[in-house]
Amino acid sequence: MPSLNDILAVILGGGRGARLFPLTQLRSKPAVPIAGKYRLIDIPISNCINSGIYRIAVLTQFNSVSLHRHITNTYDFDAFHPGWVQIWAAEQTIETADWYQGTADAVRKQTLEIQSSGAKNVLILAGDHLYRMDYREMAEYHWENEADITVAVQPVPRAEASRLGILKRESNGQISSFAEKPKDVETQNKFISRDDEERPFLGSMGIYMFKTRVLMELLADFPSFHDFGGDIIPQAIKTHAVYGFDFDGYWQDIGTIRSFYETNLALTTPQAKFNFYDPKLPIYTDRRFLPASIIEDSKLRDVMVAEGSRIMKSDIVHSIIGIRSQISAGCFIKDTIMMGSDYYERGIDSVPIGIGENSHIEGAILDKNVRIGSNVIIRPFPRNTDMGNEKWHVRDGIVVIPKDAEIAAGTVIAPD
């Protein structure tokens, strides 16, 4: 059996992330905070470390400074450890002046780095999914079947088939065909792979393991193919041994404001499907050395509170309170994600970072370092509502206050 040391993990750092705007206005998708203290990039990197895969490259391009800073501060292996986490930024070269044109093109432009690593297998991962997975099991399946490519697949109900890449897998585990977001029932029925009425299909999770030789050949032979899911995998199925590896655990693609909002708030309940509290498989993040949070005479229900915060005489329901959050007395907060602050401040004459006294915040996402004045009212809008200005936005009915924005005292952001 080959060694895990023969695997190079390549994490795709994301493009503009337009569907997560304005959270991606000043950062890339993998740098977006989640669960009060983590970043989305922490999920695939932690999965790699917990799986025994210690050579990790993160491909970055758009608004990447925040992501670079987080990775540099967090993932620093010591001199006696063989592993590393490197940032492979998009760059203009003598050969090409283009930036990354897609997932496959991003990997293609790092061919020299991949070959220099000497890795016999390359594990391709996305930087904006929430899940916990042991890639060791996927690697062993890949080697046992002598696969050229292995795709992680998950059972999918019929209602979800039209928005995912659906794979037809034969009894020996090999994938024989692929359909990208099939709409009509007749086409969908051709891709039934499971004897399960509730979840008859298998959907691609966007997690791929390649033999390095095969990956290099495909990228070179098809220079116009820019994406793995839409181009490379469907072509490879025709000519190579492509297998589907089953994963039936929790997995969530966080690609829109709505999915980001609902996935985060689901973490606040005791029945949360994803567990950040697993001591054997932890999710790693920046070591900030913050003090414990102070909660003064407040009422909290289904609330996740990160360290370094101060909450004074407030009522908070079904919400996430991020690092260094400051909440003044008399506030009511419900169904809200407050990302907190990057720093503490002293002697500020303007509106301080945090939420001012007697404010009512409901159905909102407050990005880092926002300043909410006293007596501010924020309420959710009807689903599918999109609107806004420089100070605030509404995306699918959710009010989003962008990073560093200031909302004056007495402001009302709510449906008429």
Protein backbone atom coordinates (compact mmCIF):
# COMPACT_ATOMS: atom_id res chain seq x y z
CA MET A 1 0.00 0.00 0.00
CA PRO A 2 1.44 3.44 -0.93
CA SER A 3 2.16 5.98 1.81
CA LEU A 4 0.14 9.06 2.79
CA ASN A 5 3.43 10.94 2.37
CA ASP A 6 2.99 10.36 -1.37
CA ILE A 7 -0.11 12.60 -1.38
CA LEU A 8 -0.09 16.33 -2.08
CA ALA A 9 -3.29 18.15 -1.07
CA VAL A 10 -4.21 21.12 -3.26
CA ILE A 11 -6.94 23.36 -1.86
CA LEU A 12 -8.67 25.72 -4.29
CA GLY A 13 -8.77 29.16 -2.71
CA GLY A 14 -11.76 30.40 -4.67
CA GLY A 15 -12.48 33.17 -7.13
CA ARG A 16 -14.51 36.32 -6.61
CA GLY A 17 -17.18 34.58 -4.55
CA ALA A 18 -19.90 36.82 -5.97
CA ARG A 19 -22.71 34.77 -4.42
CA LEU A 20 -21.25 35.46 -0.95
CA PHE A 21 -20.98 39.22 -1.53
CA PRO A 22 -20.64 41.45 0.53
CA LEU A 23 -18.82 38.99 2.84
CA THR A 24 -16.30 38.58 0.00
CA GLN A 25 -15.98 42.30 -0.66
CA LEU A 26 -12.63 42.43 1.18
CA ARG A 27 -11.68 38.73 1.41
CA SER A 28 -11.77 35.49 -0.56
CA LYS A 29 -14.40 32.83 0.18
CA PRO A 30 -12.10 30.53 2.21
CA ALA A 31 -11.20 33.45 4.48
CA VAL A 32 -14.85 34.10 5.49
CA PRO A 33 -15.31 33.53 9.26
CA ILE A 34 -17.51 30.66 10.44
CA ALA A 35 -18.78 29.48 13.84
CA GLY A 36 -17.53 32.57 15.67
CA LYS A 37 -13.77 31.93 15.58
CA TYR A 38 -12.80 29.84 12.54
CA ARG A 39 -12.32 30.50 8.82
CA LEU A 40 -13.71 28.27 6.07
CA ILE A 41 -10.15 27.36 5.00
CA ASP A 42 -9.62 25.75 8.43
CA ILE A 43 -11.97 22.91 7.49
CA PRO A 44 -10.03 21.28 4.61
CA ILE A 45 -6.63 21.99 6.19
CA SER A 46 -7.74 20.43 9.49
CA ASN A 47 -9.16 17.43 7.63
CA CYS A 48 -5.79 16.96 5.93
CA ILE A 49 -3.84 17.17 9.18
CA ASN A 50 -6.25 14.80 10.97
CA SER A 51 -5.95 12.37 8.05
CA GLY A 52 -2.15 12.31 8.17
CA ILE A 53 -1.67 14.36 4.98
CA TYR A 54 0.89 17.02 5.81
CA ARG A 55 1.86 18.53 2.46
CA ILE A 56 -0.81 21.10 1.66
CA ALA A 57 -0.89 23.83 -0.99
CA VAL A 58 -3.55 26.55 -1.09
CA LEU A 59 -4.17 28.17 -4.48
CA THR A 60 -5.17 31.82 -4.07
CA GLN A 61 -6.01 34.69 -6.38
CA PHE A 62 -8.80 37.09 -5.42
CA ASN A 63 -8.69 39.33 -2.31
CA SER A 64 -6.14 36.96 -0.82
CA VAL A 65 -4.31 39.09 1.78
CA SER A 66 -6.63 38.13 4.65
CA LEU A 67 -6.37 34.45 3.71
CA HIS A 68 -2.58 34.60 3.44
CA ARG A 69 -2.31 36.26 6.84
CA HIS A 70 -4.54 33.67 8.51
CA ILE A 71 -2.68 30.70 7.02
CA THR A 72 0.71 32.18 7.90
CA ASN A 73 -0.33 32.85 11.51
CA THR A 74 -2.00 29.47 12.01
CA TYR A 75 -0.24 26.66 10.15
CA ASP A 76 3.42 26.81 11.04
CA PHE A 77 4.86 23.30 11.46
CA ASP A 78 8.10 23.04 13.44
CA ALA A 79 11.51 22.18 11.96
CA PHE A 80 11.24 18.54 13.07
CA HIS A 81 8.00 17.94 11.17
CA PRO A 82 8.02 16.97 7.47
CA GLY A 83 4.81 18.84 6.67
CA TRP A 84 4.04 22.30 5.33
CA VAL A 85 1.17 24.52 4.25
CA GLN A 86 2.19 26.67 1.30
CA ILE A 87 0.37 29.45 -0.55
CA TRP A 88 0.50 29.19 -4.32
CA ALA A 89 -0.71 32.57 -5.51
CA ALA A 90 -1.77 33.27 -9.07
CA GLU A 91 1.08 34.92 -10.95
CA GLN A 92 1.93 36.26 -14.37
CA THR A 93 4.82 34.47 -16.05
CA ILE A 94 6.71 34.51 -19.34
CA GLU A 95 4.45 31.69 -20.56
CA THR A 96 1.14 33.33 -19.62
CA ALA A 97 -0.21 36.62 -18.33
CA ASP A 98 -3.64 35.17 -17.52
CA TRP A 99 -4.98 34.64 -14.01
CA TYR A 100 -6.68 31.38 -13.02
CA GLN A 101 -9.59 30.72 -15.38
CA GLY A 102 -11.19 27.93 -13.33
CA THR A 103 -10.44 25.09 -10.92
CA ALA A 104 -8.55 22.93 -13.40
CA ASP A 105 -6.76 25.89 -14.93
CA ALA A 106 -5.56 26.96 -11.49
CA VAL A 107 -3.96 23.54 -10.97
CA ARG A 108 -2.59 23.56 -14.54
CA LYS A 109 -0.73 26.81 -13.87
CA GLN A 110 0.97 25.15 -10.87
CA THR A 111 2.18 22.10 -12.81
CA LEU A 112 5.85 22.80 -12.05
CA GLU A 113 5.20 23.05 -8.30
CA ILE A 114 3.18 19.82 -8.29
CA GLN A 115 5.86 17.91 -10.19
CA SER A 116 8.59 19.35 -7.96
CA SER A 117 6.82 17.94 -4.89
CA GLY A 118 7.43 14.39 -6.12
CA ALA A 119 3.93 13.38 -4.98
CA LYS A 120 2.51 10.30 -6.68
CA ASN A 121 -1.09 11.36 -5.93
CA VAL A 122 -2.82 14.74 -5.79
CA LEU A 123 -5.90 15.37 -3.64
CA ILE A 124 -7.99 18.27 -4.96
CA LEU A 125 -10.17 20.02 -2.35
CA ALA A 126 -12.49 23.02 -2.21
CA GLY A 127 -11.99 25.78 0.33
CA ASP A 128 -15.64 26.59 1.04
CA HIS A 129 -17.27 23.37 2.31
CA LEU A 130 -18.15 22.37 5.88
CA TYR A 131 -17.58 18.68 6.65
CA ARG A 132 -15.26 16.33 8.54
CA MET A 133 -13.71 13.58 6.43
CA ASP A 134 -10.88 11.09 6.80
CA TYR A 135 -9.05 11.34 3.50
CA ARG A 136 -6.99 8.29 4.50
CA GLU A 137 -10.02 6.09 3.82
CA MET A 138 -10.49 7.68 0.41
CA ALA A 139 -6.79 7.17 -0.40
CA GLU A 140 -6.93 3.49 0.57
CA TYR A 141 -10.02 2.99 -1.63
CA HIS A 142 -8.18 4.75 -4.47
CA TRP A 143 -5.17 2.44 -4.14
CA GLU A 144 -7.13 -0.78 -3.62
CA ASN A 145 -9.04 -0.21 -6.86
CA GLU A 146 -5.94 0.93 -8.72
CA ALA A 147 -7.97 3.95 -9.77
CA ASP A 148 -6.64 6.71 -11.99
CA ILE A 149 -9.10 9.11 -10.37
CA THR A 150 -11.36 8.78 -7.34
CA VAL A 151 -14.30 11.12 -6.79
CA ALA A 152 -15.91 11.52 -3.38
CA VAL A 153 -19.66 11.02 -3.81
CA GLN A 154 -22.63 11.48 -1.52
CA PRO A 155 -26.20 10.11 -1.68
CA VAL A 156 -28.58 12.70 -3.12
CA PRO A 157 -32.41 12.90 -3.07
CA ARG A 158 -34.26 13.56 -6.30
CA ALA A 159 -35.10 17.11 -5.19
CA GLU A 160 -31.39 17.97 -5.11
CA ALA A 161 -30.37 16.25 -8.36
CA SER A 162 -31.03 19.29 -10.56
CA ARG A 163 -28.45 21.45 -8.79
CA LEU A 164 -25.53 19.02 -8.53
CA GLY A 165 -23.22 16.99 -10.72
CA ILE A 166 -24.79 13.50 -10.75
CA LEU A 167 -22.67 10.38 -11.36
CA LYS A 168 -23.68 6.94 -12.59
CA ARG A 169 -21.68 4.31 -10.68
CA GLU A 170 -21.59 0.64 -11.59
CA SER A 171 -21.60 -2.32 -9.17
CA ASN A 172 -17.78 -2.48 -9.12
CA GLY A 173 -17.57 1.13 -7.96
CA GLN A 174 -16.43 2.55 -11.30
CA ILE A 175 -18.14 5.67 -12.61
CA SER A 176 -19.51 5.20 -16.12
CA SER A 177 -21.18 8.54 -16.87
CA PHE A 178 -21.79 12.03 -15.55
CA ALA A 179 -24.55 14.64 -15.84
CA GLU A 180 -24.17 18.27 -14.78
CA LYS A 181 -27.37 19.44 -13.03
CA PRO A 182 -29.90 17.30 -14.99
CA LYS A 183 -33.30 19.00 -15.04
CA ASP A 184 -35.76 16.50 -16.55
CA VAL A 185 -36.85 13.31 -14.81
CA GLU A 186 -36.09 11.09 -17.82
CA THR A 187 -32.44 12.13 -17.81
CA GLN A 188 -32.20 11.83 -14.04
CA ASN A 189 -33.53 8.24 -14.13
CA LYS A 190 -30.55 7.21 -16.26
CA PHE A 191 -28.26 8.08 -13.36
CA ILE A 192 -29.88 6.13 -10.53
CA SER A 193 -27.02 4.39 -8.71
CA ARG A 194 -28.59 3.39 -5.40
CA ASP A 195 -31.45 1.11 -4.39
CA ASP A 196 -32.90 3.79 -2.15
CA GLU A 197 -36.15 5.61 -2.93
CA GLU A 198 -35.27 8.59 -0.76
CA ARG A 199 -31.72 9.10 -2.07
CA PRO A 200 -31.32 7.23 -5.36
CA PHE A 201 -28.54 9.38 -6.85
CA LEU A 202 -24.86 9.98 -6.18
CA GLY A 203 -23.62 13.56 -6.31
CA SER A 204 -20.04 14.74 -6.71
CA MET A 205 -18.66 16.54 -3.64
CA GLY A 206 -15.93 18.31 -5.60
CA ILE A 207 -13.24 16.20 -3.87
CA TYR A 208 -10.93 14.35 -6.26
CA MET A 209 -7.85 12.15 -5.91
CA PHE A 210 -5.69 11.79 -9.01
CA LYS A 211 -2.65 9.81 -9.87
CA THR A 212 -0.25 12.69 -10.49
CA ARG A 213 0.75 11.29 -13.87
CA VAL A 214 -2.88 11.11 -14.98
CA LEU A 215 -3.62 14.63 -13.74
CA MET A 216 -0.67 16.08 -15.63
CA GLU A 217 -1.66 14.26 -18.83
CA LEU A 218 -5.28 15.42 -18.71
CA LEU A 219 -4.34 19.04 -18.02
CA ALA A 220 -1.82 19.02 -20.87
CA ASP A 221 -4.00 17.15 -23.39
CA PHE A 222 -7.04 19.39 -22.89
CA PRO A 223 -5.71 22.94 -22.46
CA SER A 224 -9.16 24.48 -23.04
CA PHE A 225 -10.69 22.55 -20.11
CA HIS A 226 -10.81 24.99 -17.20
CA ASP A 227 -12.91 23.14 -14.59
CA PHE A 228 -12.72 19.74 -12.96
CA GLY A 229 -16.43 19.12 -12.47
CA GLY A 230 -17.62 20.44 -15.82
CA ASP A 231 -14.70 19.44 -18.06
CA ILE A 232 -11.95 17.17 -16.73
CA ILE A 233 -13.99 14.52 -14.86
CA PRO A 234 -16.58 13.94 -17.66
CA GLN A 235 -13.72 13.54 -20.16
CA ALA A 236 -11.69 11.25 -17.88
CA ILE A 237 -14.66 8.91 -17.40
CA LYS A 238 -14.42 8.05 -21.12
CA THR A 239 -10.74 7.07 -21.04
CA HIS A 240 -9.61 6.33 -17.48
CA ALA A 241 -10.54 4.25 -14.43
CA VAL A 242 -12.63 6.69 -12.39
CA TYR A 243 -14.14 5.38 -9.16
CA GLY A 244 -16.66 6.80 -6.69
CA PHE A 245 -15.81 6.81 -2.98
CA ASP A 246 -18.85 6.84 -0.66
CA PHE A 247 -19.17 9.54 1.97
CA ASP A 248 -22.45 9.63 3.89
CA GLY A 249 -21.55 12.10 6.63
CA TYR A 250 -22.46 15.76 7.00
CA TRP A 251 -21.34 17.90 4.06
CA GLN A 252 -22.45 21.42 3.20
CA ASP A 253 -21.40 23.61 0.29
CA ILE A 254 -21.34 27.19 1.61
CA GLY A 255 -21.70 29.06 -1.64
CA THR A 256 -24.47 31.60 -0.99
CA ILE A 257 -25.43 34.06 1.73
CA ARG A 258 -28.49 31.95 2.56
CA SER A 259 -26.52 28.69 2.91
CA PHE A 260 -23.83 30.47 4.93
CA TYR A 261 -26.44 31.99 7.24
CA GLU A 262 -28.44 28.81 7.82
CA THR A 263 -25.37 26.57 8.17
CA ASN A 264 -23.89 28.84 10.83
CA LEU A 265 -27.06 29.20 12.87
CA ALA A 266 -27.64 25.43 12.78
CA LEU A 267 -24.42 25.09 14.80
CA THR A 268 -26.00 26.82 17.81
CA THR A 269 -28.42 24.01 18.66
CA PRO A 270 -27.67 20.86 20.68
CA GLN A 271 -28.82 18.83 17.65
CA ALA A 272 -26.23 20.38 15.32
CA LYS A 273 -25.23 17.93 12.58
CA PHE A 274 -21.64 19.17 12.53
CA ASN A 275 -19.62 18.87 15.72
CA PHE A 276 -16.79 21.32 16.44
CA TYR A 277 -16.23 19.63 19.80
CA ASP A 278 -14.56 16.41 18.64
CA PRO A 279 -11.33 16.15 20.71
CA LYS A 280 -9.81 13.48 18.44
CA LEU A 281 -10.48 15.33 15.18
CA PRO A 282 -10.27 19.03 16.08
CA ILE A 283 -10.70 21.93 13.70
CA TYR A 284 -7.60 24.09 13.97
CA THR A 285 -7.46 27.87 13.71
CA ASP A 286 -5.41 30.90 14.72
CA ARG A 287 -4.06 30.88 18.29
CA ARG A 288 -5.24 34.29 19.47
CA PHE A 289 -4.69 33.89 23.25
CA LEU A 290 -7.84 35.83 24.08
CA PRO A 291 -9.36 36.03 27.57
CA ALA A 292 -12.61 34.29 28.49
CA SER A 293 -15.83 36.09 27.59
CA ILE A 294 -17.71 38.16 30.17
CA ILE A 295 -21.50 37.81 30.25
CA GLU A 296 -23.19 40.23 32.66
CA ASP A 297 -26.81 39.68 33.74
CA SER A 298 -27.89 38.42 30.29
CA LYS A 299 -30.23 35.76 28.94
CA LEU A 300 -28.85 33.45 26.24
CA ARG A 301 -30.66 30.60 24.44
CA ASP A 302 -29.05 28.50 21.71
CA VAL A 303 -26.11 30.87 21.45
CA MET A 304 -22.50 30.20 20.49
CA VAL A 305 -20.16 32.74 22.14
CA ALA A 306 -16.51 32.99 21.11
CA GLU A 307 -13.73 34.09 23.44
CA GLY A 308 -12.76 37.66 24.25
CA SER A 309 -16.34 39.01 24.16
CA ARG A 310 -18.37 41.11 26.58
CA ILE A 311 -22.15 40.95 26.73
CA MET A 312 -23.98 43.33 29.09
CA LYS A 313 -27.59 42.92 30.24
CA SER A 314 -28.93 41.68 26.91
CA ASP A 315 -31.24 38.98 25.56
CA ILE A 316 -29.76 36.82 22.79
CA VAL A 317 -31.53 33.96 20.99
CA HIS A 318 -30.31 31.51 18.32
CA SER A 319 -27.24 33.50 17.36
CA ILE A 320 -23.46 33.35 16.99
CA ILE A 321 -21.32 35.90 18.82
CA GLY A 322 -17.82 36.02 17.34
CA ILE A 323 -14.45 36.84 18.88
CA ARG A 324 -14.03 40.16 20.75
CA SER A 325 -17.71 41.05 20.35
CA GLN A 326 -18.91 44.00 22.42
CA ILE A 327 -22.66 44.16 23.15
CA SER A 328 -24.02 47.02 25.24
CA ALA A 329 -26.88 46.83 27.74
CA GLY A 330 -30.51 46.50 26.75
CA CYS A 331 -29.98 44.77 23.39
CA PHE A 332 -32.14 42.06 21.86
CA ILE A 333 -30.41 39.84 19.28
CA LYS A 334 -32.08 36.96 17.46
CA ASP A 335 -31.21 34.74 14.48
CA THR A 336 -28.05 36.77 13.93
CA ILE A 337 -24.41 36.08 13.12
CA MET A 338 -22.10 38.62 14.74
CA MET A 339 -18.56 37.99 13.51
CA GLY A 340 -16.91 40.14 16.15
CA SER A 341 -13.77 42.20 15.82
CA ASP A 342 -10.14 41.92 14.72
CA TYR A 343 -8.93 44.09 17.60
CA TYR A 344 -9.88 45.98 20.76
CA GLU A 345 -10.05 49.75 20.71
CA ARG A 346 -9.62 52.43 23.35
CA GLY A 347 -10.63 56.10 23.60
CA ILE A 348 -12.83 56.21 20.50
CA ASP A 349 -15.06 59.28 20.17
CA SER A 350 -17.15 57.89 17.30
CA VAL A 351 -19.48 54.89 17.40
CA PRO A 352 -17.49 52.08 19.07
CA ILE A 353 -17.04 48.66 17.53
CA GLY A 354 -19.91 46.38 18.52
CA ILE A 355 -23.61 46.93 19.20
CA GLY A 356 -24.83 50.03 21.02
CA GLU A 357 -27.32 49.98 23.87
CA ASN A 358 -31.01 49.22 23.40
CA SER A 359 -30.59 47.98 19.83
CA HIS A 360 -32.82 45.30 18.29
CA ILE A 361 -30.99 43.07 15.79
CA GLU A 362 -32.81 40.20 14.09
CA GLY A 363 -32.13 38.11 10.98
CA ALA A 364 -28.78 39.72 10.21
CA ILE A 365 -25.11 39.05 9.52
CA LEU A 366 -22.78 41.61 11.10
CA ASP A 367 -19.32 41.34 9.56
CA LYS A 368 -16.06 42.07 11.39
CA ASN A 369 -15.48 45.45 13.07
CA VAL A 370 -18.99 46.82 12.41
CA ARG A 371 -20.16 49.75 14.52
CA ILE A 372 -23.84 49.68 15.40
CA GLY A 373 -25.07 52.76 17.26
CA SER A 374 -27.61 52.79 20.07
CA ASN A 375 -31.33 52.22 19.43
CA VAL A 376 -30.73 50.68 15.99
CA ILE A 377 -33.43 48.35 14.64
CA ILE A 378 -32.63 45.65 12.09
CA ARG A 379 -35.23 43.12 10.98
CA PRO A 380 -35.20 40.50 8.18
CA PHE A 381 -36.85 41.11 4.80
CA PRO A 382 -38.99 38.60 2.86
CA ARG A 383 -37.12 35.75 1.15
CA ASN A 384 -35.64 36.57 -2.29
CA THR A 385 -35.32 40.28 -1.44
CA ASP A 386 -32.05 41.83 -2.71
CA MET A 387 -31.29 45.50 -2.14
CA GLY A 388 -28.96 47.82 -0.27
CA ASN A 389 -26.46 50.69 -0.31
CA GLU A 390 -22.92 51.46 0.86
CA LYS A 391 -23.79 50.93 4.53
CA TRP A 392 -25.89 47.75 4.35
CA HIS A 393 -27.17 45.07 1.98
CA VAL A 394 -30.07 42.63 1.86
CA ARG A 395 -29.36 39.24 0.27
CA ASP A 396 -32.23 36.75 -0.01
CA GLY A 397 -33.97 38.63 2.81
CA ILE A 398 -30.96 38.57 5.17
CA VAL A 399 -29.57 41.94 6.25
CA VAL A 400 -25.77 42.02 5.87
CA ILE A 401 -23.70 44.80 7.43
CA PRO A 402 -20.31 44.79 5.61
CA LYS A 403 -16.95 44.74 7.33
CA ASP A 404 -15.95 48.04 9.01
CA ALA A 405 -19.36 49.63 8.27
CA GLU A 406 -20.91 52.13 10.70
CA ILE A 407 -24.67 52.31 11.33
CA ALA A 408 -25.71 55.55 13.03
CA ALA A 409 -27.75 55.59 16.22
CA GLY A 410 -31.50 55.33 15.66
CA THR A 411 -31.20 53.77 12.18
CA VAL A 412 -34.02 51.44 11.14
CA ILE A 413 -33.33 48.72 8.54
CA ALA A 414 -36.55 46.77 8.16
CA PRO A 415 -39.39 46.10 5.72
CA ASP A 416 -41.95 48.90 5.42
